[in-house]
Amino acid sequence: MNIRMRILYIFMGVCVILGMSYIYKENTLVHAEQRNMEGTSKENSSEAASTEEVTTEEITTEETTTEETTTEECLHDYKTVVKAATNKTNGYQEEQCNICGEKGAKTIIYRIKSIKLSETAYSYDGRTKKPKVTAYDSKGNKISSSNYKVTYQNGRRKPGRYCVTIEFSGNYSGTFTRYFHITPRGASVKTIVGGQGSVTVTLKAAGKTFTGYQIQYSKKKNFSSGVKTKTVSKGKNAYKIANLDTNARYYVRVRTYLLSGGKKVYSQWSDSTTARTKIYSNMNIVSTDHQKYSYEEMVQDIAQLQKRYKDHCTVNILGTTADKRNLYEVIVGNPDADKHLIVLSNLHAREYMTVQLCMKQIEYYLNYYNKTIGGVKVSSVLDEVAIHFMPSCNPDGTAIAQFGFDAIRNKRLRNNLYKMGGLTYKWKSNARGVDLNQNWDIDFEVHGTKGSDWYSGKKPHSEAEVKAIIKMLDRVETEGEIVGFLSYHAMGEVIYGMCAPEAGETMAKTVDDMYSVAYKQSKYVLYGSTSISCNQSREYLMYKRGIPGITLEIGSSETPLDISQFAPTWRKNKRLVLLEAALFCE
């Protein structure tokens, strides 16, 4: 073969090879385009498709890797999550993906630190009050009012204590209460008089809406030290401050208070006034210059008498009333004596001048202990016959008669009294509506209904006051002999001094002797009958316990007796009890 033919064959071979390469390349591109359209390869798969040695396993592996990469990617959908702050813990705001839960930006909501009212005390002016509310977080920043709702208590016009409720929502949680008050109108000192170791203050209120007074006194004009405070019920416009230093200057100021929501709301203090106390002189403890001699005055006077005359004055508390007032026994003379005389007073509430009379008798006999009264030596009588005074047997009822139902501190008792109704100044019963002179175990029968008078109670000796008297009688009888008793009532200026035949000659004679002594001093006339009245104290003492005695009715006008009745009553009775005791001396 010649050279030309060889060259031709080589040229044709090359052409065939090039043609076959072209055809293979075209087929490969077509298959790559089909895979791209079907989504089974990536853009960079062209290199793998350019060679015949690409395997099916390699293509499959590459496709699987692509699908896994696509699944890991998340198009986040964020929402705001809030944990509300309280007054104890912080809260927060945080972005959080709804799909994958991924957390984003977080902002702290600082806890509630304080809630303040713009005003917490208003003076009464007849207008409705509405203080503004401001809340602060623990960083001292104001909390927007959009985060809480404010509710005010109804009213907010009259004196009293009022509630504001703050209810948080949104970024905060919790409900809180704050209080403000409207103070009642104040009071002033109308008069002030210095007495022997005492100061008597007359009060004047500026309005009607209040519960009571507070009286404050001190030797310092600016009340910087030694300050003492007394609380006085509404209706009592005169108050005696006792047990003070003598010949000393005292400054006094006063304010009113209102009991509202179980709390006391006070007015402003008045300007101070001043008075100087006097040096003690005889017969200056028990006051007789005003009508409503109160339980509080009696208690103070008993303490002062015991302090001044401690060698001859013994005080016992026999029990307490339904309204928690003490029932006092004051023994004048020798408590260890063999003989004892009992004096009861004020079984009926409106007859409260009898308390004043007995307290003055106690002071009189103690003051003259080493002297003579009515021709007898006081010490000789009282060393042999001790006199047991129970000056107020019915202090609850007396408080009602003097100051109305509001003087009863127990709410349940007070509400029951309002249901009973009646004229308080004419009240005779105790705070439970029981007539204490109709509650004794002598031919007992139930009569009347709860109220001002005449109700006997359901059974004898049901009342604390009567039980206290029985307790005293039982105790004294173990110590010696009860030789007699006197019972003070009002009014009429008469003496119940007759006896029933059941009394017997000995008792009848003793009662007649007691009446004679009483008549000689008082000129009160004999009254009553010889029959035994059911339920009553004198009959019980005489016919159940065998103690002779008389009942004296003081005063010549209707009860409650006016203070003008005290002077003539005192003249007729000041010696009487001592001389009755002298009757039993050997």
Protein backbone atom coordinates (compact mmCIF):
# COMPACT_ATOMS: atom_id res chain seq x y z
CA MET A 1 0.00 0.00 0.00
CA ASN A 2 1.37 3.32 -1.02
CA ILE A 3 1.76 6.26 1.17
CA ARG A 4 -1.27 8.10 -0.19
CA MET A 5 -3.62 5.27 0.61
CA ARG A 6 -2.26 5.08 4.19
CA ILE A 7 -2.81 8.75 4.69
CA LEU A 8 -6.37 8.43 3.37
CA TYR A 9 -7.16 5.55 5.71
CA ILE A 10 -5.75 7.48 8.68
CA PHE A 11 -7.78 10.57 7.77
CA MET A 12 -10.96 8.53 7.45
CA GLY A 13 -10.27 6.85 10.82
CA VAL A 14 -9.84 10.18 12.52
CA CYS A 15 -13.09 11.44 10.96
CA VAL A 16 -14.92 8.36 12.21
CA ILE A 17 -13.53 8.84 15.73
CA LEU A 18 -14.41 12.51 15.75
CA GLY A 19 -17.88 11.73 14.52
CA MET A 20 -18.44 9.11 17.18
CA SER A 21 -17.25 11.56 19.83
CA TYR A 22 -19.63 14.20 18.60
CA ILE A 23 -22.57 11.82 18.61
CA TYR A 24 -21.72 10.64 22.17
CA LYS A 25 -21.40 14.17 23.38
CA GLU A 26 -24.77 15.14 21.92
CA ASN A 27 -26.48 12.15 23.52
CA THR A 28 -24.98 13.04 26.92
CA LEU A 29 -26.20 16.64 26.76
CA VAL A 30 -29.72 15.50 25.88
CA HIS A 31 -29.80 13.17 28.89
CA ALA A 32 -28.48 15.96 31.19
CA GLU A 33 -31.24 18.32 30.07
CA GLN A 34 -33.86 15.68 30.77
CA ARG A 35 -32.47 15.13 34.30
CA ASN A 36 -32.51 18.87 34.97
CA MET A 37 -36.14 19.13 33.88
CA GLU A 38 -37.14 16.24 36.13
CA GLY A 39 -35.35 17.81 39.16
CA THR A 40 -33.09 14.83 39.75
CA SER A 41 -29.73 16.58 39.64
CA LYS A 42 -28.02 19.84 40.52
CA GLU A 43 -26.55 22.49 38.26
CA ASN A 44 -23.05 21.17 38.98
CA SER A 45 -23.96 17.61 37.79
CA SER A 46 -22.84 18.40 34.20
CA GLU A 47 -19.28 17.35 35.03
CA ALA A 48 -20.45 13.92 36.16
CA ALA A 49 -22.57 13.57 33.01
CA SER A 50 -19.55 14.35 30.74
CA THR A 51 -18.05 10.89 31.15
CA GLU A 52 -19.38 7.44 30.52
CA GLU A 53 -17.91 6.13 33.82
CA VAL A 54 -20.53 7.98 36.04
CA THR A 55 -22.42 5.29 37.96
CA THR A 56 -26.05 5.09 38.97
CA GLU A 57 -25.00 4.73 42.69
CA GLU A 58 -23.11 8.03 42.61
CA ILE A 59 -26.10 9.89 41.11
CA THR A 60 -28.47 8.42 43.69
CA THR A 61 -26.21 9.44 46.60
CA GLU A 62 -25.95 12.97 45.32
CA GLU A 63 -29.75 13.28 44.99
CA THR A 64 -30.32 12.10 48.62
CA THR A 65 -27.86 14.65 50.04
CA THR A 66 -29.69 17.44 48.23
CA GLU A 67 -33.07 16.47 49.74
CA GLU A 68 -31.69 16.42 53.36
CA THR A 69 -30.17 19.89 52.97
CA THR A 70 -33.54 21.28 51.88
CA THR A 71 -35.36 19.85 55.03
CA GLU A 72 -33.02 21.60 57.64
CA GLU A 73 -33.87 25.14 56.52
CA CYS A 74 -36.86 26.99 58.47
CA LEU A 75 -38.70 30.08 57.44
CA HIS A 76 -39.20 31.44 61.07
CA ASP A 77 -42.62 32.71 62.23
CA TYR A 78 -41.98 34.67 65.48
CA LYS A 79 -44.55 35.63 68.12
CA THR A 80 -44.18 37.61 71.41
CA VAL A 81 -44.47 35.57 74.64
CA VAL A 82 -45.14 37.47 77.91
CA LYS A 83 -44.61 36.28 81.48
CA ALA A 84 -46.34 38.85 83.70
CA ALA A 85 -44.38 40.51 86.49
CA THR A 86 -45.82 40.45 90.04
CA ASN A 87 -44.95 42.37 93.18
CA LYS A 88 -42.50 39.58 94.07
CA THR A 89 -40.88 38.45 90.80
CA ASN A 90 -39.77 40.00 87.52
CA GLY A 91 -41.47 39.03 84.25
CA TYR A 92 -40.26 39.18 80.64
CA GLN A 93 -41.18 39.63 76.94
CA GLU A 94 -39.54 37.16 74.51
CA GLU A 95 -39.70 36.43 70.75
CA GLN A 96 -40.33 32.75 70.01
CA CYS A 97 -40.76 30.85 66.67
CA ASN A 98 -44.12 29.16 66.26
CA ILE A 99 -42.54 26.46 63.99
CA CYS A 100 -39.25 25.42 65.53
CA GLY A 101 -39.45 27.07 68.97
CA GLU A 102 -36.29 29.09 68.48
CA LYS A 103 -36.06 32.01 70.99
CA GLY A 104 -35.17 35.51 69.97
CA ALA A 105 -34.81 38.84 71.76
CA LYS A 106 -35.79 38.92 75.49
CA THR A 107 -36.80 42.02 77.53
CA ILE A 108 -37.14 42.03 81.34
CA ILE A 109 -40.35 43.41 82.90
CA TYR A 110 -39.35 44.58 86.36
CA ARG A 111 -41.55 43.65 89.31
CA ILE A 112 -44.17 45.94 90.87
CA LYS A 113 -42.52 47.72 93.78
CA SER A 114 -45.04 50.28 95.01
CA ILE A 115 -48.54 51.62 94.42
CA LYS A 116 -49.28 55.07 95.75
CA LEU A 117 -52.36 57.26 96.06
CA SER A 118 -52.04 60.95 95.38
CA GLU A 119 -53.79 61.63 98.71
CA THR A 120 -54.38 59.37 101.69
CA ALA A 121 -56.13 61.88 103.96
CA TYR A 122 -58.77 64.45 103.12
CA SER A 123 -60.58 66.92 105.34
CA TYR A 124 -64.34 66.60 105.15
CA ASP A 125 -65.91 69.21 102.85
CA GLY A 126 -68.95 67.37 101.51
CA ARG A 127 -67.35 66.57 98.13
CA THR A 128 -66.60 63.15 96.64
CA LYS A 129 -62.91 62.22 96.77
CA LYS A 130 -61.00 60.33 94.05
CA PRO A 131 -57.24 60.12 94.60
CA LYS A 132 -55.03 59.28 91.60
CA VAL A 133 -53.15 56.00 91.48
CA THR A 134 -49.48 55.72 90.44
CA ALA A 135 -47.59 52.43 90.25
CA TYR A 136 -43.79 52.01 90.14
CA ASP A 137 -41.55 49.09 89.21
CA SER A 138 -38.44 48.01 91.09
CA LYS A 139 -36.28 50.36 88.98
CA GLY A 140 -38.34 53.36 90.05
CA ASN A 141 -40.08 53.73 86.68
CA LYS A 142 -43.78 54.51 86.42
CA ILE A 143 -45.93 51.66 85.19
CA SER A 144 -48.29 52.72 82.43
CA SER A 145 -51.92 52.97 83.57
CA SER A 146 -52.85 50.79 80.59
CA ASN A 147 -51.55 47.87 82.64
CA TYR A 148 -54.06 48.21 85.50
CA LYS A 149 -57.70 48.96 86.25
CA VAL A 150 -58.68 51.12 89.25
CA THR A 151 -61.96 50.62 91.15
CA TYR A 152 -63.10 52.98 93.90
CA GLN A 153 -65.38 52.13 96.81
CA ASN A 154 -68.79 53.76 96.63
CA GLY A 155 -69.48 56.87 98.66
CA ARG A 156 -66.20 58.67 99.35
CA ARG A 157 -67.96 61.83 100.43
CA LYS A 158 -68.70 61.47 104.14
CA PRO A 159 -66.01 61.00 106.81
CA GLY A 160 -64.70 57.45 106.84
CA ARG A 161 -62.13 55.01 105.49
CA TYR A 162 -62.36 54.03 101.82
CA CYS A 163 -60.82 51.30 99.68
CA VAL A 164 -59.18 51.62 96.23
CA THR A 165 -58.67 48.34 94.29
CA ILE A 166 -55.90 48.13 91.65
CA GLU A 167 -56.15 45.12 89.30
CA PHE A 168 -53.15 44.53 86.99
CA SER A 169 -53.25 42.88 83.55
CA GLY A 170 -51.07 42.63 80.41
CA ASN A 171 -47.41 42.80 81.41
CA TYR A 172 -48.30 42.61 85.13
CA SER A 173 -50.38 40.41 87.41
CA GLY A 174 -51.98 40.85 90.82
CA THR A 175 -54.75 42.70 92.66
CA PHE A 176 -53.94 45.18 95.40
CA THR A 177 -55.85 47.45 97.77
CA ARG A 178 -54.95 50.86 99.06
CA TYR A 179 -56.89 53.02 101.52
CA PHE A 180 -57.55 56.68 102.09
CA HIS A 181 -59.75 58.42 104.61
CA ILE A 182 -61.85 61.51 104.98
CA THR A 183 -61.36 62.93 108.46
CA PRO A 184 -64.36 64.00 110.53
CA ARG A 185 -64.71 67.56 111.61
CA GLY A 186 -62.72 68.31 114.73
CA ALA A 187 -63.52 69.41 118.23
CA SER A 188 -62.36 72.05 120.66
CA VAL A 189 -62.05 72.55 124.38
CA LYS A 190 -65.01 74.64 125.47
CA THR A 191 -63.92 75.03 129.09
CA ILE A 192 -61.13 73.65 131.25
CA VAL A 193 -61.07 73.82 135.03
CA GLY A 194 -58.26 72.74 137.30
CA GLY A 195 -59.25 70.72 140.36
CA GLN A 196 -57.41 69.01 143.18
CA GLY A 197 -55.02 66.77 141.28
CA SER A 198 -57.39 66.84 138.34
CA VAL A 199 -58.56 68.78 135.29
CA THR A 200 -62.17 68.80 134.07
CA VAL A 201 -62.57 69.41 130.34
CA THR A 202 -65.81 70.37 128.57
CA LEU A 203 -65.77 69.44 124.88
CA LYS A 204 -67.43 70.97 121.85
CA ALA A 205 -67.69 69.05 118.56
CA ALA A 206 -67.70 70.84 115.17
CA GLY A 207 -69.98 68.26 113.52
CA LYS A 208 -72.21 65.26 114.17
CA THR A 209 -70.50 62.51 112.13
CA PHE A 210 -68.05 60.97 114.59
CA THR A 211 -67.84 58.12 117.11
CA GLY A 212 -66.04 59.72 120.02
CA TYR A 213 -63.29 62.01 121.29
CA GLN A 214 -59.65 61.67 122.18
CA ILE A 215 -58.27 63.94 124.87
CA GLN A 216 -54.51 64.34 125.06
CA TYR A 217 -52.65 66.06 127.88
CA SER A 218 -49.07 66.81 128.85
CA LYS A 219 -47.01 69.17 130.96
CA LYS A 220 -45.15 70.14 127.78
CA LYS A 221 -46.74 72.81 125.60
CA ASN A 222 -45.50 71.08 122.43
CA PHE A 223 -46.57 67.64 123.69
CA SER A 224 -43.02 66.37 123.26
CA SER A 225 -42.99 64.09 126.30
CA GLY A 226 -45.15 62.70 129.08
CA VAL A 227 -48.14 62.60 126.75
CA LYS A 228 -51.22 60.63 127.79
CA THR A 229 -54.40 60.06 125.81
CA LYS A 230 -57.93 59.32 126.97
CA THR A 231 -60.77 58.08 124.75
CA VAL A 232 -64.25 59.42 125.47
CA SER A 233 -67.57 58.22 124.06
CA LYS A 234 -69.72 60.45 121.90
CA GLY A 235 -72.39 62.20 123.93
CA LYS A 236 -70.17 62.71 126.92
CA ASN A 237 -69.13 66.34 126.69
CA ALA A 238 -67.46 66.62 130.09
CA TYR A 239 -64.49 64.58 131.21
CA LYS A 240 -62.45 64.60 134.39
CA ILE A 241 -58.75 63.78 134.06
CA ALA A 242 -57.75 62.52 137.50
CA ASN A 243 -54.60 61.30 139.27
CA LEU A 244 -52.56 64.30 138.09
CA ASP A 245 -49.77 66.02 139.95
CA THR A 246 -50.98 68.78 142.23
CA ASN A 247 -50.19 72.44 141.65
CA ALA A 248 -48.97 71.66 138.11
CA ARG A 249 -49.80 73.19 134.72
CA TYR A 250 -51.23 70.84 132.10
CA TYR A 251 -51.85 71.42 128.40
CA VAL A 252 -54.88 69.76 126.85
CA ARG A 253 -55.99 69.26 123.25
CA VAL A 254 -58.79 67.23 121.71
CA ARG A 255 -59.82 65.60 118.44
CA THR A 256 -62.71 63.51 117.18
CA TYR A 257 -62.54 60.04 115.68
CA LEU A 258 -64.83 57.95 113.50
CA LEU A 259 -64.89 54.15 113.55
CA SER A 260 -64.99 53.10 109.87
CA GLY A 261 -64.20 49.67 108.46
CA GLY A 262 -62.91 48.55 111.82
CA LYS A 263 -60.36 51.40 111.89
CA LYS A 264 -60.38 54.75 113.66
CA VAL A 265 -60.21 57.83 111.44
CA TYR A 266 -59.05 60.91 113.36
CA SER A 267 -59.61 64.62 112.86
CA GLN A 268 -56.85 67.16 113.39
CA TRP A 269 -55.89 68.07 116.94
CA SER A 270 -57.43 71.25 118.30
CA ASP A 271 -55.36 74.11 119.62
CA SER A 272 -54.17 73.36 123.14
CA THR A 273 -55.62 74.96 126.25
CA THR A 274 -54.12 74.98 129.70
CA ALA A 275 -55.10 74.77 133.36
CA ARG A 276 -53.30 74.37 136.67
CA THR A 277 -54.25 71.67 139.15
CA LYS A 278 -54.89 72.47 142.78
CA ILE A 279 -53.46 71.02 145.96
CA TYR A 280 -55.56 68.27 147.53
CA SER A 281 -58.08 69.27 150.14
CA ASN A 282 -60.81 67.29 151.85
CA MET A 283 -63.79 65.95 149.91
CA ASN A 284 -62.51 66.82 146.45
CA ILE A 285 -62.43 63.52 144.57
CA VAL A 286 -66.05 62.72 143.73
CA SER A 287 -67.63 65.43 141.58
CA THR A 288 -71.21 66.47 142.27
CA ASP A 289 -71.52 69.46 139.95
CA HIS A 290 -72.90 67.70 136.87
CA GLN A 291 -75.76 65.29 136.24
CA LYS A 292 -74.25 62.48 134.17
CA TYR A 293 -71.77 61.04 136.63
CA SER A 294 -70.46 58.30 134.36
CA TYR A 295 -69.01 54.82 134.83
CA GLU A 296 -65.59 56.09 133.72
CA GLU A 297 -65.66 58.81 136.39
CA MET A 298 -66.67 56.28 139.03
CA VAL A 299 -63.77 53.99 138.10
CA GLN A 300 -61.29 56.86 138.28
CA ASP A 301 -62.70 58.04 141.62
CA ILE A 302 -62.58 54.53 143.11
CA ALA A 303 -58.90 54.26 142.16
CA GLN A 304 -58.15 57.67 143.65
CA LEU A 305 -60.03 56.94 146.87
CA GLN A 306 -58.22 53.64 147.25
CA LYS A 307 -54.89 55.39 146.69
CA ARG A 308 -55.56 58.17 149.18
CA TYR A 309 -57.28 56.07 151.87
CA LYS A 310 -55.56 52.72 151.32
CA ASP A 311 -55.64 51.84 155.05
CA HIS A 312 -59.42 51.96 155.25
CA CYS A 313 -60.60 51.33 151.67
CA THR A 314 -60.65 47.91 149.98
CA VAL A 315 -61.76 47.43 146.38
CA ASN A 316 -62.89 44.17 144.76
CA ILE A 317 -64.12 43.41 141.25
CA LEU A 318 -67.04 41.01 141.56
CA GLY A 319 -67.46 40.27 137.85
CA THR A 320 -68.14 41.91 134.51
CA THR A 321 -71.30 42.86 132.64
CA ALA A 322 -72.37 41.70 129.18
CA ASP A 323 -70.59 44.76 127.74
CA LYS A 324 -67.43 44.06 129.77
CA ARG A 325 -67.77 46.73 132.47
CA ASN A 326 -66.47 45.84 135.91
CA LEU A 327 -68.81 45.44 138.87
CA TYR A 328 -67.08 47.03 141.87
CA GLU A 329 -67.35 46.41 145.58
CA VAL A 330 -65.86 49.13 147.80
CA ILE A 331 -65.39 48.13 151.43
CA VAL A 332 -65.16 51.04 153.89
CA GLY A 333 -63.71 50.03 157.23
CA ASN A 334 -62.30 46.75 158.48
CA PRO A 335 -62.80 44.00 155.86
CA ASP A 336 -62.07 41.39 158.57
CA ALA A 337 -64.80 42.69 160.88
CA ASP A 338 -67.33 40.27 162.33
CA LYS A 339 -70.30 42.28 161.09
CA HIS A 340 -71.08 43.60 157.62
CA LEU A 341 -73.63 46.00 156.14
CA ILE A 342 -74.45 45.75 152.39
CA VAL A 343 -75.37 48.83 150.30
CA LEU A 344 -76.72 48.27 146.79
CA SER A 345 -77.24 51.11 144.34
CA ASN A 346 -78.28 51.70 140.72
CA LEU A 347 -80.12 48.44 139.99
CA HIS A 348 -82.21 50.61 137.67
CA ALA A 349 -80.20 52.39 134.98
CA ARG A 350 -81.94 55.76 134.86
CA GLU A 351 -81.54 56.13 138.65
CA TYR A 352 -77.84 56.89 138.28
CA MET A 353 -77.78 59.74 140.82
CA THR A 354 -77.69 56.96 143.43
CA VAL A 355 -74.16 56.10 142.16
CA GLN A 356 -73.03 59.67 142.76
CA LEU A 357 -74.61 59.64 146.22
CA CYS A 358 -72.93 56.39 147.32
CA MET A 359 -69.55 57.46 145.95
CA LYS A 360 -69.79 60.71 147.90
CA GLN A 361 -70.78 58.79 151.05
CA ILE A 362 -67.70 56.58 150.62
CA GLU A 363 -65.45 59.64 150.34
CA TYR A 364 -67.18 61.35 153.29
CA TYR A 365 -66.75 58.41 155.67
CA LEU A 366 -63.13 57.82 154.62
CA ASN A 367 -62.28 61.52 154.96
CA TYR A 368 -63.79 61.63 158.47
CA TYR A 369 -62.50 58.23 159.51
CA ASN A 370 -60.78 59.57 162.61
CA LYS A 371 -63.47 62.12 163.40
CA THR A 372 -67.12 62.06 164.42
CA ILE A 373 -70.25 62.16 162.27
CA GLY A 374 -73.72 62.58 163.83
CA GLY A 375 -72.29 62.16 167.31
CA VAL A 376 -70.56 58.82 166.62
CA LYS A 377 -66.88 58.14 166.12
CA VAL A 378 -66.47 56.89 162.56
CA SER A 379 -63.50 54.60 163.18
CA SER A 380 -65.24 52.89 166.09
CA VAL A 381 -68.22 52.04 163.90
CA LEU A 382 -66.28 50.97 160.80
CA ASP A 383 -63.80 48.86 162.71
CA GLU A 384 -66.70 46.80 164.06
CA VAL A 385 -69.14 46.91 161.12
CA ALA A 386 -67.62 47.04 157.62
CA ILE A 387 -69.79 48.70 154.99
CA HIS A 388 -69.78 47.00 151.57
CA PHE A 389 -70.85 49.46 148.87
CA MET A 390 -71.75 48.26 145.39
CA PRO A 391 -72.19 51.78 143.96
CA SER A 392 -73.24 50.74 140.45
CA CYS A 393 -75.04 47.41 140.04
CA ASN A 394 -76.01 48.27 136.45
CA PRO A 395 -73.21 50.16 134.65
CA ASP A 396 -74.26 48.98 131.15
CA GLY A 397 -77.80 50.23 131.61
CA THR A 398 -76.50 53.50 133.07
CA ALA A 399 -74.36 54.05 129.97
CA ILE A 400 -77.52 53.61 127.85
CA ALA A 401 -79.54 55.99 130.02
CA GLN A 402 -76.81 58.63 129.90
CA PHE A 403 -75.47 58.34 126.34
CA GLY A 404 -77.83 56.11 124.31
CA PHE A 405 -77.48 52.68 122.67
CA ASP A 406 -74.23 53.73 120.97
CA ALA A 407 -72.56 53.67 124.40
CA ILE A 408 -72.77 49.86 124.26
CA ARG A 409 -69.54 48.68 122.67
CA ASN A 410 -70.56 45.12 121.79
CA LYS A 411 -72.07 45.19 118.29
CA ARG A 412 -74.45 42.28 118.85
CA LEU A 413 -75.81 43.78 122.07
CA ARG A 414 -76.13 47.18 120.43
CA ASN A 415 -78.06 45.80 117.45
CA ASN A 416 -80.42 43.90 119.76
CA LEU A 417 -81.06 47.06 121.75
CA TYR A 418 -82.02 48.95 118.60
CA LYS A 419 -84.50 46.16 117.83
CA MET A 420 -86.01 46.50 121.33
CA GLY A 421 -86.32 50.26 120.93
CA GLY A 422 -87.57 52.64 123.58
CA LEU A 423 -86.50 55.92 125.15
CA THR A 424 -82.89 55.45 126.15
CA TYR A 425 -82.85 58.22 128.76
CA LYS A 426 -85.70 56.39 130.55
CA TRP A 427 -83.93 53.01 130.38
CA LYS A 428 -84.12 50.88 133.56
CA SER A 429 -82.84 47.46 132.40
CA ASN A 430 -79.35 46.22 131.64
CA ALA A 431 -77.81 45.88 128.16
CA ARG A 432 -79.70 42.60 127.60
CA GLY A 433 -83.07 44.24 128.24
CA VAL A 434 -83.58 42.58 131.66
CA ASP A 435 -84.87 44.55 134.65
CA LEU A 436 -82.33 43.68 137.38
CA ASN A 437 -84.87 44.22 140.17
CA GLN A 438 -87.12 41.56 138.60
CA ASN A 439 -84.53 38.77 138.28
CA TRP A 440 -84.41 37.37 141.82
CA ASP A 441 -85.30 33.89 143.06
CA ILE A 442 -88.32 34.72 145.21
CA ASP A 443 -91.69 33.38 143.99
CA PHE A 444 -90.18 33.83 140.52
CA GLU A 445 -92.45 34.21 137.52
CA VAL A 446 -91.59 35.24 133.96
CA HIS A 447 -93.17 38.52 132.92
CA GLY A 448 -92.66 41.36 130.49
CA THR A 449 -90.64 41.45 127.28
CA LYS A 450 -87.05 42.52 126.64
CA GLY A 451 -86.74 46.27 126.74
CA SER A 452 -86.50 49.31 128.96
CA ASP A 453 -88.11 47.81 132.07
CA TRP A 454 -90.15 45.08 133.77
CA TYR A 455 -88.75 42.05 131.88
CA SER A 456 -87.85 39.40 134.45
CA GLY A 457 -85.59 37.28 132.27
CA LYS A 458 -86.25 33.62 131.50
CA LYS A 459 -85.05 32.39 134.88
CA PRO A 460 -83.92 33.86 138.23
CA HIS A 461 -80.33 35.06 138.59
CA SER A 462 -79.79 34.81 134.83
CA GLU A 463 -77.94 38.14 134.66
CA ALA A 464 -74.24 38.70 135.35
CA GLU A 465 -75.00 41.66 137.61
CA VAL A 466 -77.31 39.65 139.89
CA LYS A 467 -74.84 36.74 139.94
CA ALA A 468 -72.11 39.15 141.10
CA ILE A 469 -74.25 40.34 144.03
CA ILE A 470 -75.02 36.73 145.01
CA LYS A 471 -71.30 35.97 144.80
CA MET A 472 -70.51 38.88 147.13
CA LEU A 473 -73.18 37.81 149.66
CA ASP A 474 -71.89 34.23 149.68
CA ARG A 475 -68.32 35.38 150.27
CA VAL A 476 -69.17 37.89 153.02
CA GLU A 477 -71.29 35.34 154.87
CA THR A 478 -68.23 33.07 155.09
CA GLU A 479 -66.25 35.95 156.63
CA GLY A 480 -68.82 37.07 159.21
CA GLU A 481 -72.44 38.06 159.66
CA ILE A 482 -74.39 40.23 157.26
CA VAL A 483 -76.41 42.27 159.76
CA GLY A 484 -78.42 44.30 157.24
CA PHE A 485 -78.67 45.91 153.84
CA LEU A 486 -79.79 49.15 152.22
CA SER A 487 -80.84 49.52 148.59
CA TYR A 488 -80.88 52.94 146.91
CA HIS A 489 -83.40 53.69 144.14
CA ALA A 490 -85.05 56.84 142.75
CA MET A 491 -87.55 58.52 142.97
CA GLY A 492 -90.26 59.58 145.46
CA GLU A 493 -88.46 60.23 148.78
CA VAL A 494 -90.05 57.19 150.40
CA ILE A 495 -88.76 54.18 152.34
CA TYR A 496 -89.84 50.60 151.79
CA GLY A 497 -89.60 49.44 155.41
CA MET A 498 -92.53 47.12 156.06
CA CYS A 499 -92.34 43.38 156.62
CA ALA A 500 -94.57 40.45 155.74
CA PRO A 501 -95.70 38.16 158.57
CA GLU A 502 -93.20 35.58 157.32
CA ALA A 503 -90.35 37.84 158.46
CA GLY A 504 -90.78 36.99 162.12
CA GLU A 505 -90.54 39.29 165.15
CA THR A 506 -86.74 39.59 165.25
CA MET A 507 -86.39 40.66 161.64
CA ALA A 508 -89.46 42.91 161.84
CA LYS A 509 -87.95 44.75 164.82
CA THR A 510 -84.58 45.20 163.08
CA VAL A 511 -86.24 46.52 159.92
CA ASP A 512 -88.34 48.92 162.01
CA ASP A 513 -85.19 50.19 163.76
CA MET A 514 -83.46 50.69 160.40
CA TYR A 515 -86.46 52.62 159.11
CA SER A 516 -86.45 54.85 162.21
CA VAL A 517 -82.80 55.79 161.71
CA ALA A 518 -83.37 56.47 158.00
CA TYR A 519 -86.51 58.54 158.64
CA LYS A 520 -84.77 60.65 161.30
CA GLN A 521 -82.04 61.57 158.80
CA SER A 522 -84.02 61.89 155.57
CA LYS A 523 -87.66 62.47 156.57
CA TYR A 524 -88.59 60.02 153.82
CA VAL A 525 -92.01 58.53 154.60
CA LEU A 526 -92.84 54.85 155.06
CA TYR A 527 -94.22 53.19 151.95
CA GLY A 528 -95.17 49.79 150.59
CA SER A 529 -97.14 46.83 151.84
CA THR A 530 -96.73 43.77 154.02
CA SER A 531 -97.09 41.32 151.13
CA ILE A 532 -94.17 39.60 149.43
CA SER A 533 -93.57 40.87 145.88
CA CYS A 534 -92.27 38.26 143.47
CA ASN A 535 -88.86 38.48 141.77
CA GLN A 536 -87.58 41.53 143.70
CA SER A 537 -84.24 42.04 145.41
CA ARG A 538 -85.47 43.22 148.85
CA GLU A 539 -87.82 40.26 149.18
CA TYR A 540 -85.09 37.82 148.14
CA LEU A 541 -82.58 39.21 150.63
CA MET A 542 -85.08 39.25 153.49
CA TYR A 543 -87.12 36.10 152.95
CA LYS A 544 -84.61 33.83 151.18
CA ARG A 545 -81.40 34.88 152.93
CA GLY A 546 -82.77 36.25 156.20
CA ILE A 547 -81.04 39.65 155.91
CA PRO A 548 -83.08 42.61 157.23
CA GLY A 549 -83.07 45.74 155.12
CA ILE A 550 -84.80 48.78 153.67
CA THR A 551 -85.07 50.39 150.25
CA LEU A 552 -84.76 54.18 149.94
CA GLU A 553 -86.15 56.13 146.98
CA ILE A 554 -84.25 59.44 146.63
CA GLY A 555 -85.32 62.56 144.75
CA SER A 556 -88.60 64.43 144.39
CA SER A 557 -88.82 64.68 140.59
CA GLU A 558 -88.96 62.24 137.69
CA THR A 559 -85.90 60.23 136.81
CA PRO A 560 -83.29 60.77 135.65
CA LEU A 561 -82.99 63.29 138.45
CA ASP A 562 -81.70 66.75 137.58
CA ILE A 563 -78.42 67.78 139.16
CA SER A 564 -80.33 70.34 141.25
CA GLN A 565 -81.71 67.34 143.19
CA PHE A 566 -78.29 66.28 144.45
CA ALA A 567 -77.76 68.96 147.11
CA PRO A 568 -80.99 68.26 149.06
CA THR A 569 -80.50 64.50 148.57
CA TRP A 570 -76.99 64.76 149.98
CA ARG A 571 -78.11 66.67 153.05
CA LYS A 572 -80.70 63.99 153.81
CA ASN A 573 -78.46 60.97 153.22
CA LYS A 574 -74.83 61.83 153.93
CA ARG A 575 -74.86 60.43 157.50
CA LEU A 576 -77.54 57.83 156.94
CA VAL A 577 -75.51 54.74 156.00
CA LEU A 578 -72.92 55.27 158.74
CA LEU A 579 -75.66 55.63 161.36
CA GLU A 580 -77.35 52.48 160.08
CA ALA A 581 -74.04 50.66 160.63
CA ALA A 582 -73.79 52.19 164.11
CA LEU A 583 -77.17 50.61 164.88
CA PHE A 584 -75.48 47.20 164.87
CA CYS A 585 -72.53 48.13 167.12
CA GLU A 586 -72.58 46.65 170.60
